Amino acid sequence: MDAITFDLLANKLKNAPQSVLESVIAYVDTLIEPKTISKIYILSKEQQELLDNQINSDKSTYIKAETLYTDLKKKYEL
């Protein structure tokens, strides 16, 4: 990365509020930290197969959560 890139970033952030600077720092930390995937849960074989099968499913058949919630409230008169 060259000095021009740093200067551009510094100019964009020089008048930014502290909260923005903290967000930028957190974002950079996230980018440079080694990525580790750790699951704090265990799925059964059937559950994992169900999730794996959803990877290539047709997204047009999905229902928005808000719509489902509204429909369920209406159906059960909640």
Protein backbone atom coordinates (compact mmCIF):
# COMPACT_ATOMS: atom_id res chain seq x y z
CA MET A 1 0.00 0.00 0.00
CA ASP A 2 1.46 3.34 -0.91
CA ALA A 3 1.49 6.72 0.84
CA ILE A 4 -1.26 8.09 -1.43
CA THR A 5 -3.70 5.48 -0.13
CA PHE A 6 -2.88 6.34 3.48
CA ASP A 7 -3.23 10.05 2.77
CA LEU A 8 -6.61 9.50 1.13
CA LEU A 9 -7.82 7.50 4.12
CA ALA A 10 -6.44 10.06 6.56
CA ASN A 11 -8.21 12.90 4.72
CA LYS A 12 -11.51 11.06 4.76
CA LEU A 13 -11.24 10.34 8.49
CA LYS A 14 -9.64 13.54 9.82
CA ASN A 15 -12.98 15.15 10.77
CA ALA A 16 -14.84 11.94 11.52
CA PRO A 17 -16.40 11.52 14.96
CA GLN A 18 -14.77 9.18 17.44
CA SER A 19 -17.48 6.55 16.95
CA VAL A 20 -16.65 6.33 13.22
CA LEU A 21 -12.94 5.97 13.97
CA GLU A 22 -13.68 3.19 16.44
CA SER A 23 -15.80 1.42 13.84
CA VAL A 24 -13.03 1.70 11.25
CA ILE A 25 -10.48 0.31 13.70
CA ALA A 26 -12.77 -2.58 14.59
CA TYR A 27 -13.34 -3.28 10.89
CA VAL A 28 -9.61 -3.32 10.16
CA ASP A 29 -8.98 -5.58 13.15
CA THR A 30 -11.60 -7.98 11.83
CA LEU A 31 -9.99 -8.03 8.40
CA ILE A 32 -6.50 -8.83 9.64
CA GLU A 33 -7.36 -11.33 12.38
CA PRO A 34 -6.97 -14.94 11.34
CA LYS A 35 -10.29 -16.43 10.44
CA THR A 36 -11.23 -19.41 12.51
CA ILE A 37 -14.51 -21.19 12.27
CA SER A 38 -15.62 -22.69 15.50
CA LYS A 39 -19.03 -24.09 16.12
CA ILE A 40 -20.37 -23.94 19.65
CA TYR A 41 -23.06 -26.43 18.73
CA ILE A 42 -23.32 -29.95 17.38
CA LEU A 43 -25.75 -30.93 14.65
CA SER A 44 -27.05 -34.40 14.08
CA LYS A 45 -26.25 -35.99 10.73
CA GLU A 46 -29.84 -35.39 9.60
CA GLN A 47 -29.73 -31.73 10.59
CA GLN A 48 -26.45 -31.19 8.73
CA GLU A 49 -27.83 -32.92 5.62
CA LEU A 50 -30.93 -30.70 5.74
CA LEU A 51 -28.78 -27.57 5.89
CA ASP A 52 -26.45 -28.83 3.16
CA ASN A 53 -29.43 -29.50 0.89
CA GLN A 54 -30.62 -25.90 1.30
CA ILE A 55 -27.42 -24.45 -0.17
CA ASN A 56 -28.58 -24.85 -3.76
CA SER A 57 -32.31 -24.53 -3.16
CA ASP A 58 -34.49 -22.19 -5.21
CA LYS A 59 -34.45 -18.85 -3.39
CA SER A 60 -37.69 -17.77 -5.12
CA THR A 61 -39.61 -20.22 -2.94
CA TYR A 62 -38.42 -18.56 0.26
CA ILE A 63 -40.86 -16.55 2.38
CA LYS A 64 -39.83 -13.36 4.16
CA ALA A 65 -39.76 -13.74 7.93
CA GLU A 66 -42.02 -10.74 8.38
CA THR A 67 -44.61 -12.23 6.02
CA LEU A 68 -44.49 -15.58 7.78
CA TYR A 69 -44.85 -13.90 11.16
CA THR A 70 -47.83 -11.83 9.99
CA ASP A 71 -49.50 -14.87 8.42
CA LEU A 72 -49.05 -16.93 11.59
CA LYS A 73 -50.44 -14.16 13.79
CA LYS A 74 -53.45 -13.88 11.51
CA LYS A 75 -53.97 -17.65 11.30
CA TYR A 76 -53.81 -18.16 15.06
CA GLU A 77 -55.50 -14.85 15.90
CA LEU A 78 -52.66 -13.64 18.07
